Structures are given as C-alpha cells and as structure tokens.
Amino acid sequence: WEQLKANVAESGSTGMQLNKLAADGGGGGSGVAG
C-alpha cells in the first residue's frame, strides 16, 4: 500500500477520472441520438 501511494505521489496524478462518452459519440447503443 505504501509503495502504491509513493508511485502515485511521484507521478503527480492524484485526481480522479471518470469514464465518459467518446468525443465522436461512440460507446455502443443502437445509434439513436439519445
């Protein structure tokens, strides 16, 4: 656990990223616009 925390601190990435719809509108579904 301590090693994982150190790796994150070194990379400078402590933020959270959520999955989101691709910019091209992809991501599955039937192709119907919403």
Full PDB file with SEQRES, HELIX, SHEET, SSBOND, CRYST1, ORIGX, SCALE, CONECT and MASTER records, all heavy atoms in Angstrom:
SEQRES   1 A   34  TRP GLU GLN LEU LYS ALA ASN VAL ALA GLU SER GLY SER          
SEQRES   2 A   34  THR GLY MET GLN LEU ASN LYS LEU ALA ALA ASP GLY GLY          
SEQRES   3 A   34  GLY GLY GLY SER GLY VAL ALA GLY                              
HELIX    1 AA1 GLU A    2  SER A   11  1                                  10    
CRYST1    1.000    1.000    1.000  90.00  90.00  90.00 P 1           1          
ORIGX1      1.000000  0.000000  0.000000        0.00000                         
ORIGX2      0.000000  1.000000  0.000000        0.00000                         
ORIGX3      0.000000  0.000000  1.000000        0.00000                         
SCALE1      1.000000  0.000000  0.000000        0.00000                         
SCALE2      0.000000  1.000000  0.000000        0.00000                         
SCALE3      0.000000  0.000000  1.000000        0.00000                         
ATOM      1  N   TRP A   1       0.834  -1.197   0.000  1.00  0.00           N  
ATOM      2  CA  TRP A   1       0.000   0.000   0.000  1.00  0.00           C  
ATOM      3  C   TRP A   1       0.873   1.254   0.000  1.00  0.00           C  
ATOM      4  O   TRP A   1       0.626   2.207  -0.731  1.00  0.00           O  
ATOM      5  CB  TRP A   1      -0.945  -0.027   1.199  1.00  0.00           C  
ATOM      6  CG  TRP A   1      -1.709   1.234   1.407  1.00  0.00           C  
ATOM      7  CD1 TRP A   1      -1.570   2.126   2.424  1.00  0.00           C  
ATOM      8  CD2 TRP A   1      -2.742   1.760   0.569  1.00  0.00           C  
ATOM      9  NE1 TRP A   1      -2.432   3.163   2.282  1.00  0.00           N  
ATOM     10  CE2 TRP A   1      -3.188   2.971   1.136  1.00  0.00           C  
ATOM     11  CE3 TRP A   1      -3.337   1.343  -0.608  1.00  0.00           C  
ATOM     12  CZ2 TRP A   1      -4.178   3.754   0.581  1.00  0.00           C  
ATOM     13  CZ3 TRP A   1      -4.340   2.120  -1.167  1.00  0.00           C  
ATOM     14  CH2 TRP A   1      -4.754   3.315  -0.575  1.00  0.00           C  
ATOM     15  N   GLU A   2       1.890   1.264   0.844  1.00  0.00           N  
ATOM     16  CA  GLU A   2       2.800   2.407   0.918  1.00  0.00           C  
ATOM     17  C   GLU A   2       3.507   2.621  -0.426  1.00  0.00           C  
ATOM     18  O   GLU A   2       3.686   3.762  -0.860  1.00  0.00           O  
ATOM     19  CB  GLU A   2       3.831   2.220   2.041  1.00  0.00           C  
ATOM     20  CG  GLU A   2       3.234   2.292   3.430  1.00  0.00           C  
ATOM     21  CD  GLU A   2       2.619   3.658   3.740  1.00  0.00           C  
ATOM     22  OE1 GLU A   2       3.113   4.690   3.246  1.00  0.00           O  
ATOM     23  OE2 GLU A   2       1.624   3.686   4.487  1.00  0.00           O  
ATOM     24  N   GLN A   3       3.901   1.538  -1.096  1.00  0.00           N  
ATOM     25  CA  GLN A   3       4.559   1.641  -2.397  1.00  0.00           C  
ATOM     26  C   GLN A   3       3.615   2.227  -3.434  1.00  0.00           C  
ATOM     27  O   GLN A   3       3.997   3.070  -4.235  1.00  0.00           O  
ATOM     28  CB  GLN A   3       5.074   0.266  -2.851  1.00  0.00           C  
ATOM     29  CG  GLN A   3       5.808   0.299  -4.168  1.00  0.00           C  
ATOM     30  CD  GLN A   3       7.048   1.181  -4.134  1.00  0.00           C  
ATOM     31  OE1 GLN A   3       7.847   1.127  -3.205  1.00  0.00           O  
ATOM     32  NE2 GLN A   3       7.206   2.013  -5.155  1.00  0.00           N  
ATOM     33  N   LEU A   4       2.365   1.799  -3.433  1.00  0.00           N  
ATOM     34  CA  LEU A   4       1.370   2.337  -4.365  1.00  0.00           C  
ATOM     35  C   LEU A   4       1.165   3.833  -4.140  1.00  0.00           C  
ATOM     36  O   LEU A   4       1.071   4.605  -5.091  1.00  0.00           O  
ATOM     37  CB  LEU A   4       0.042   1.586  -4.235  1.00  0.00           C  
ATOM     38  CG  LEU A   4       0.019   0.158  -4.770  1.00  0.00           C  
ATOM     39  CD1 LEU A   4      -1.287  -0.522  -4.392  1.00  0.00           C  
ATOM     40  CD2 LEU A   4       0.203   0.150  -6.279  1.00  0.00           C  
ATOM     41  N   LYS A   5       1.063   4.244  -2.876  1.00  0.00           N  
ATOM     42  CA  LYS A   5       0.902   5.669  -2.570  1.00  0.00           C  
ATOM     43  C   LYS A   5       2.116   6.465  -3.051  1.00  0.00           C  
ATOM     44  O   LYS A   5       1.970   7.558  -3.605  1.00  0.00           O  
ATOM     45  CB  LYS A   5       0.699   5.879  -1.065  1.00  0.00           C  
ATOM     46  CG  LYS A   5      -0.645   5.416  -0.577  1.00  0.00           C  
ATOM     47  CD  LYS A   5      -0.998   5.847   0.837  1.00  0.00           C  
ATOM     48  CE  LYS A   5       0.101   5.944   1.811  1.00  0.00           C  
ATOM     49  NZ  LYS A   5      -0.290   6.246   3.176  1.00  0.00           N  
ATOM     50  N   ALA A   6       3.293   5.918  -2.867  1.00  0.00           N  
ATOM     51  CA  ALA A   6       4.519   6.604  -3.307  1.00  0.00           C  
ATOM     52  C   ALA A   6       4.549   6.730  -4.827  1.00  0.00           C  
ATOM     53  O   ALA A   6       4.936   7.772  -5.364  1.00  0.00           O  
ATOM     54  CB  ALA A   6       5.750   5.850  -2.801  1.00  0.00           C  
ATOM     55  N   ASN A   7       4.148   5.701  -5.531  1.00  0.00           N  
ATOM     56  CA  ASN A   7       4.118   5.750  -7.001  1.00  0.00           C  
ATOM     57  C   ASN A   7       3.168   6.832  -7.496  1.00  0.00           C  
ATOM     58  O   ASN A   7       3.473   7.556  -8.446  1.00  0.00           O  
ATOM     59  CB  ASN A   7       3.697   4.397  -7.583  1.00  0.00           C  
ATOM     60  CG  ASN A   7       4.725   3.320  -7.383  1.00  0.00           C  
ATOM     61  OD1 ASN A   7       5.882   3.598  -7.046  1.00  0.00           O  
ATOM     62  ND2 ASN A   7       4.318   2.082  -7.567  1.00  0.00           N  
ATOM     63  N   VAL A   8       2.020   6.960  -6.856  1.00  0.00           N  
ATOM     64  CA  VAL A   8       1.048   7.981  -7.249  1.00  0.00           C  
ATOM     65  C   VAL A   8       1.608   9.368  -6.954  1.00  0.00           C  
ATOM     66  O   VAL A   8       1.482  10.285  -7.774  1.00  0.00           O  
ATOM     67  CB  VAL A   8      -0.304   7.758  -6.527  1.00  0.00           C  
ATOM     68  CG1 VAL A   8      -1.226   8.942  -6.716  1.00  0.00           C  
ATOM     69  CG2 VAL A   8      -0.957   6.481  -7.033  1.00  0.00           C  
ATOM     70  N   ALA A   9       2.237   9.526  -5.819  1.00  0.00           N  
ATOM     71  CA  ALA A   9       2.807  10.823  -5.450  1.00  0.00           C  
ATOM     72  C   ALA A   9       3.906  11.231  -6.432  1.00  0.00           C  
ATOM     73  O   ALA A   9       4.007  12.398  -6.806  1.00  0.00           O  
ATOM     74  CB  ALA A   9       3.349  10.764  -4.025  1.00  0.00           C  
ATOM     75  N   GLU A  10       4.718  10.285  -6.873  1.00  0.00           N  
ATOM     76  CA  GLU A  10       5.791  10.577  -7.825  1.00  0.00           C  
ATOM     77  C   GLU A  10       5.246  10.993  -9.187  1.00  0.00           C  
ATOM     78  O   GLU A  10       5.775  11.879  -9.833  1.00  0.00           O  
ATOM     79  CB  GLU A  10       6.690   9.353  -8.006  1.00  0.00           C  
ATOM     80  CG  GLU A  10       7.620   9.087  -6.854  1.00  0.00           C  
ATOM     81  CD  GLU A  10       8.393   7.779  -7.041  1.00  0.00           C  
ATOM     82  OE1 GLU A  10       8.467   7.267  -8.176  1.00  0.00           O  
ATOM     83  OE2 GLU A  10       8.912   7.271  -6.041  1.00  0.00           O  
ATOM     84  N   SER A  11       4.169  10.343  -9.607  1.00  0.00           N  
ATOM     85  CA  SER A  11       3.618  10.651 -10.937  1.00  0.00           C  
ATOM     86  C   SER A  11       2.839  11.958 -10.931  1.00  0.00           C  
ATOM     87  O   SER A  11       2.534  12.500 -11.989  1.00  0.00           O  
ATOM     88  CB  SER A  11       2.724   9.511 -11.423  1.00  0.00           C  
ATOM     89  OG  SER A  11       1.538   9.450 -10.648  1.00  0.00           O  
ATOM     90  N   GLY A  12       2.498  12.459  -9.743  1.00  0.00           N  
ATOM     91  CA  GLY A  12       1.775  13.722  -9.643  1.00  0.00           C  
ATOM     92  C   GLY A  12       0.302  13.594  -9.990  1.00  0.00           C  
ATOM     93  O   GLY A  12      -0.398  14.587 -10.109  1.00  0.00           O  
ATOM     94  N   SER A  13      -0.166  12.401 -10.159  1.00  0.00           N  
ATOM     95  CA  SER A  13      -1.563  12.177 -10.534  1.00  0.00           C  
ATOM     96  C   SER A  13      -2.340  11.714  -9.315  1.00  0.00           C  
ATOM     97  O   SER A  13      -2.299  10.549  -8.953  1.00  0.00           O  
ATOM     98  CB  SER A  13      -1.648  11.117 -11.638  1.00  0.00           C  
ATOM     99  OG  SER A  13      -2.979  10.763 -11.844  1.00  0.00           O  
ATOM    100  N   THR A  14      -2.997  12.661  -8.662  1.00  0.00           N  
ATOM    101  CA  THR A  14      -3.816  12.290  -7.516  1.00  0.00           C  
ATOM    102  C   THR A  14      -5.286  12.558  -7.775  1.00  0.00           C  
ATOM    103  O   THR A  14      -6.117  12.373  -6.901  1.00  0.00           O  
ATOM    104  CB  THR A  14      -3.384  13.067  -6.255  1.00  0.00           C  
ATOM    105  OG1 THR A  14      -3.523  14.458  -6.543  1.00  0.00           O  
ATOM    106  CG2 THR A  14      -1.965  12.722  -5.867  1.00  0.00           C  
ATOM    107  N   GLY A  15      -5.613  13.011  -8.974  1.00  0.00           N  
ATOM    108  CA  GLY A  15      -7.003  13.319  -9.303  1.00  0.00           C  
ATOM    109  C   GLY A  15      -7.778  12.076  -9.697  1.00  0.00           C  
ATOM    110  O   GLY A  15      -7.229  10.992  -9.855  1.00  0.00           O  
ATOM    111  N   MET A  16      -9.050  12.271  -9.872  1.00  0.00           N  
ATOM    112  CA  MET A  16      -9.922  11.185 -10.264  1.00  0.00           C  
ATOM    113  C   MET A  16     -10.392  11.431 -11.693  1.00  0.00           C  
ATOM    114  O   MET A  16     -10.668  12.558 -12.071  1.00  0.00           O  
ATOM    115  CB  MET A  16     -11.151  11.123  -9.339  1.00  0.00           C  
ATOM    116  CG  MET A  16     -12.116  10.011  -9.684  1.00  0.00           C  
ATOM    117  SD  MET A  16     -13.656  10.077  -8.750  1.00  0.00           S  
ATOM    118  CE  MET A  16     -13.098   9.905  -7.097  1.00  0.00           C  
ATOM    119  N   GLN A  17     -10.490  10.371 -12.470  1.00  0.00           N  
ATOM    120  CA  GLN A  17     -11.000  10.487 -13.833  1.00  0.00           C  
ATOM    121  C   GLN A  17     -12.174   9.543 -13.970  1.00  0.00           C  
ATOM    122  O   GLN A  17     -12.084   8.361 -13.633  1.00  0.00           O  
ATOM    123  CB  GLN A  17      -9.921  10.109 -14.845  1.00  0.00           C  
ATOM    124  CG  GLN A  17     -10.438  10.160 -16.275  1.00  0.00           C  
ATOM    125  CD  GLN A  17      -9.366   9.776 -17.273  1.00  0.00           C  
ATOM    126  OE1 GLN A  17      -8.193   9.790 -16.979  1.00  0.00           O  
ATOM    127  NE2 GLN A  17      -9.792   9.431 -18.459  1.00  0.00           N  
ATOM    128  N   LEU A  18     -13.288  10.066 -14.439  1.00  0.00           N  
ATOM    129  CA  LEU A  18     -14.465   9.255 -14.663  1.00  0.00           C  
ATOM    130  C   LEU A  18     -14.534   8.853 -16.122  1.00  0.00           C  
ATOM    131  O   LEU A  18     -14.124   9.603 -17.005  1.00  0.00           O  
ATOM    132  CB  LEU A  18     -15.725  10.035 -14.291  1.00  0.00           C  
ATOM    133  CG  LEU A  18     -15.823  10.490 -12.848  1.00  0.00           C  
ATOM    134  CD1 LEU A  18     -17.071  11.340 -12.648  1.00  0.00           C  
ATOM    135  CD2 LEU A  18     -15.852   9.297 -11.914  1.00  0.00           C  
ATOM    136  N   ASN A  19     -15.062   7.687 -16.367  1.00  0.00           N  
ATOM    137  CA  ASN A  19     -15.281   7.284 -17.753  1.00  0.00           C  
ATOM    138  C   ASN A  19     -16.316   8.203 -18.350  1.00  0.00           C  
ATOM    139  O   ASN A  19     -17.224   8.673 -17.677  1.00  0.00           O  
ATOM    140  CB  ASN A  19     -15.757   5.840 -17.820  1.00  0.00           C  
ATOM    141  CG  ASN A  19     -14.656   4.882 -17.456  1.00  0.00           C  
ATOM    142  OD1 ASN A  19     -13.490   5.196 -17.557  1.00  0.00           O  
ATOM    143  ND2 ASN A  19     -15.046   3.700 -17.015  1.00  0.00           N  
ATOM    144  N   LYS A  20     -16.168   8.479 -19.655  1.00  0.00           N  
ATOM    145  CA  LYS A  20     -17.117   9.364 -20.309  1.00  0.00           C  
ATOM    146  C   LYS A  20     -17.314   8.895 -21.735  1.00  0.00           C  
ATOM    147  O   LYS A  20     -16.560   8.083 -22.254  1.00  0.00           O  
ATOM    148  CB  LYS A  20     -16.634  10.803 -20.272  1.00  0.00           C  
ATOM    149  CG  LYS A  20     -15.299  11.021 -20.952  1.00  0.00           C  
ATOM    150  CD  LYS A  20     -14.848  12.449 -20.800  1.00  0.00           C  
ATOM    151  CE  LYS A  20     -13.481  12.610 -21.455  1.00  0.00           C  
ATOM    152  NZ  LYS A  20     -12.998  13.963 -21.330  1.00  0.00           N  
ATOM    153  N   LEU A  21     -18.346   9.428 -22.367  1.00  0.00           N  
ATOM    154  CA  LEU A  21     -18.656   9.100 -23.741  1.00  0.00           C  
ATOM    155  C   LEU A  21     -17.559   9.630 -24.648  1.00  0.00           C  
ATOM    156  O   LEU A  21     -17.071  10.743 -24.461  1.00  0.00           O  
ATOM    157  CB  LEU A  21     -20.004   9.729 -24.128  1.00  0.00           C  
ATOM    158  CG  LEU A  21     -20.562   9.385 -25.492  1.00  0.00           C  
ATOM    159  CD1 LEU A  21     -20.855   7.894 -25.589  1.00  0.00           C  
ATOM    160  CD2 LEU A  21     -21.846  10.166 -25.737  1.00  0.00           C  
ATOM    161  N   ALA A  22     -17.170   8.829 -25.622  1.00  0.00           N  
ATOM    162  CA  ALA A  22     -16.135   9.243 -26.562  1.00  0.00           C  
ATOM    163  C   ALA A  22     -16.576  10.497 -27.305  1.00  0.00           C  
ATOM    164  O   ALA A  22     -17.769  10.713 -27.537  1.00  0.00           O  
ATOM    165  CB  ALA A  22     -15.845   8.121 -27.547  1.00  0.00           C  
ATOM    166  N   ALA A  23     -15.605  11.346 -27.701  1.00  0.00           N  
ATOM    167  CA  ALA A  23     -15.913  12.614 -28.370  1.00  0.00           C  
ATOM    168  C   ALA A  23     -16.687  12.418 -29.661  1.00  0.00           C  
ATOM    169  O   ALA A  23     -17.488  13.255 -30.054  1.00  0.00           O  
ATOM    170  CB  ALA A  23     -14.615  13.365 -28.652  1.00  0.00           C  
ATOM    171  N   ASP A  24     -16.487  11.265 -30.334  1.00  0.00           N  
ATOM    172  CA  ASP A  24     -17.193  11.018 -31.590  1.00  0.00           C  
ATOM    173  C   ASP A  24     -18.611  10.519 -31.368  1.00  0.00           C  
ATOM    174  O   ASP A  24     -19.311  10.202 -32.322  1.00  0.00           O  
ATOM    175  CB  ASP A  24     -16.420  10.035 -32.458  1.00  0.00           C  
ATOM    176  CG  ASP A  24     -16.287   8.661 -31.810  1.00  0.00           C  
ATOM    177  OD1 ASP A  24     -16.737   8.497 -30.663  1.00  0.00           O  
ATOM    178  OD2 ASP A  24     -15.731   7.760 -32.468  1.00  0.00           O  
ATOM    179  N   GLY A  25     -19.048  10.431 -30.118  1.00  0.00           N  
ATOM    180  CA  GLY A  25     -20.408   9.970 -29.823  1.00  0.00           C  
ATOM    181  C   GLY A  25     -20.511   8.460 -29.759  1.00  0.00           C  
ATOM    182  O   GLY A  25     -21.584   7.912 -29.634  1.00  0.00           O  
ATOM    183  N   GLY A  26     -19.364   7.783 -29.830  1.00  0.00           N  
ATOM    184  CA  GLY A  26     -19.365   6.327 -29.791  1.00  0.00           C  
ATOM    185  C   GLY A  26     -19.649   5.813 -28.398  1.00  0.00           C  
ATOM    186  O   GLY A  26     -19.897   6.570 -27.469  1.00  0.00           O  
ATOM    187  N   GLY A  27     -19.613   4.535 -28.258  1.00  0.00           N  
ATOM    188  CA  GLY A  27     -19.804   3.962 -26.940  1.00  0.00           C  
ATOM    189  C   GLY A  27     -20.907   2.946 -26.911  1.00  0.00           C  
ATOM    190  O   GLY A  27     -21.396   2.567 -25.867  1.00  0.00           O  
ATOM    191  N   GLY A  28     -21.338   2.482 -28.058  1.00  0.00           N  
ATOM    192  CA  GLY A  28     -22.346   1.441 -28.085  1.00  0.00           C  
ATOM    193  C   GLY A  28     -23.731   2.000 -28.256  1.00  0.00           C  
ATOM    194  O   GLY A  28     -23.916   3.162 -28.607  1.00  0.00           O  
ATOM    195  N   GLY A  29     -24.687   1.183 -27.999  1.00  0.00           N  
ATOM    196  CA  GLY A  29     -26.073   1.607 -28.149  1.00  0.00           C  
ATOM    197  C   GLY A  29     -26.579   1.334 -29.540  1.00  0.00           C  
ATOM    198  O   GLY A  29     -25.904   0.760 -30.386  1.00  0.00           O  
ATOM    199  N   SER A  30     -27.772   1.794 -29.812  1.00  0.00           N  
ATOM    200  CA  SER A  30     -28.423   1.480 -31.080  1.00  0.00           C  
ATOM    201  C   SER A  30     -28.158   2.519 -32.139  1.00  0.00           C  
ATOM    202  O   SER A  30     -28.641   2.401 -33.246  1.00  0.00           O  
ATOM    203  CB  SER A  30     -29.930   1.360 -30.850  1.00  0.00           C  
ATOM    204  OG  SER A  30     -30.451   2.597 -30.413  1.00  0.00           O  
ATOM    205  N   GLY A  31     -27.446   3.573 -31.811  1.00  0.00           N  
ATOM    206  CA  GLY A  31     -27.186   4.612 -32.781  1.00  0.00           C  
ATOM    207  C   GLY A  31     -28.262   5.680 -32.793  1.00  0.00           C  
ATOM    208  O   GLY A  31     -28.167   6.661 -33.500  1.00  0.00           O  
ATOM    209  N   VAL A  32     -29.296   5.519 -32.006  1.00  0.00           N  
ATOM    210  CA  VAL A  32     -30.343   6.526 -31.916  1.00  0.00           C  
ATOM    211  C   VAL A  32     -29.804   7.661 -31.062  1.00  0.00           C  
ATOM    212  O   VAL A  32     -29.202   7.435 -30.020  1.00  0.00           O  
ATOM    213  CB  VAL A  32     -31.631   5.930 -31.294  1.00  0.00           C  
ATOM    214  CG1 VAL A  32     -32.690   6.986 -31.156  1.00  0.00           C  
ATOM    215  CG2 VAL A  32     -32.124   4.768 -32.135  1.00  0.00           C  
ATOM    216  N   ALA A  33     -30.019   8.874 -31.481  1.00  0.00           N  
ATOM    217  CA  ALA A  33     -29.423  10.040 -30.837  1.00  0.00           C  
ATOM    218  C   ALA A  33     -30.015  10.306 -29.467  1.00  0.00           C  
ATOM    219  O   ALA A  33     -30.827  11.197 -29.284  1.00  0.00           O  
ATOM    220  CB  ALA A  33     -29.594  11.258 -31.726  1.00  0.00           C  
ATOM    221  N   GLY A  34     -29.625   9.507 -28.464  1.00  0.00           N  
ATOM    222  CA  GLY A  34     -30.028   9.757 -27.101  1.00  0.00           C  
ATOM    223  C   GLY A  34     -31.417   9.283 -26.729  1.00  0.00           C  
ATOM    224  O   GLY A  34     -31.825   9.430 -25.597  1.00  0.00           O  
TER     225      GLY A  34                                                      
MASTER        0    0    0    1    0    0    0    6  224    1    0    3          
END                                                                             
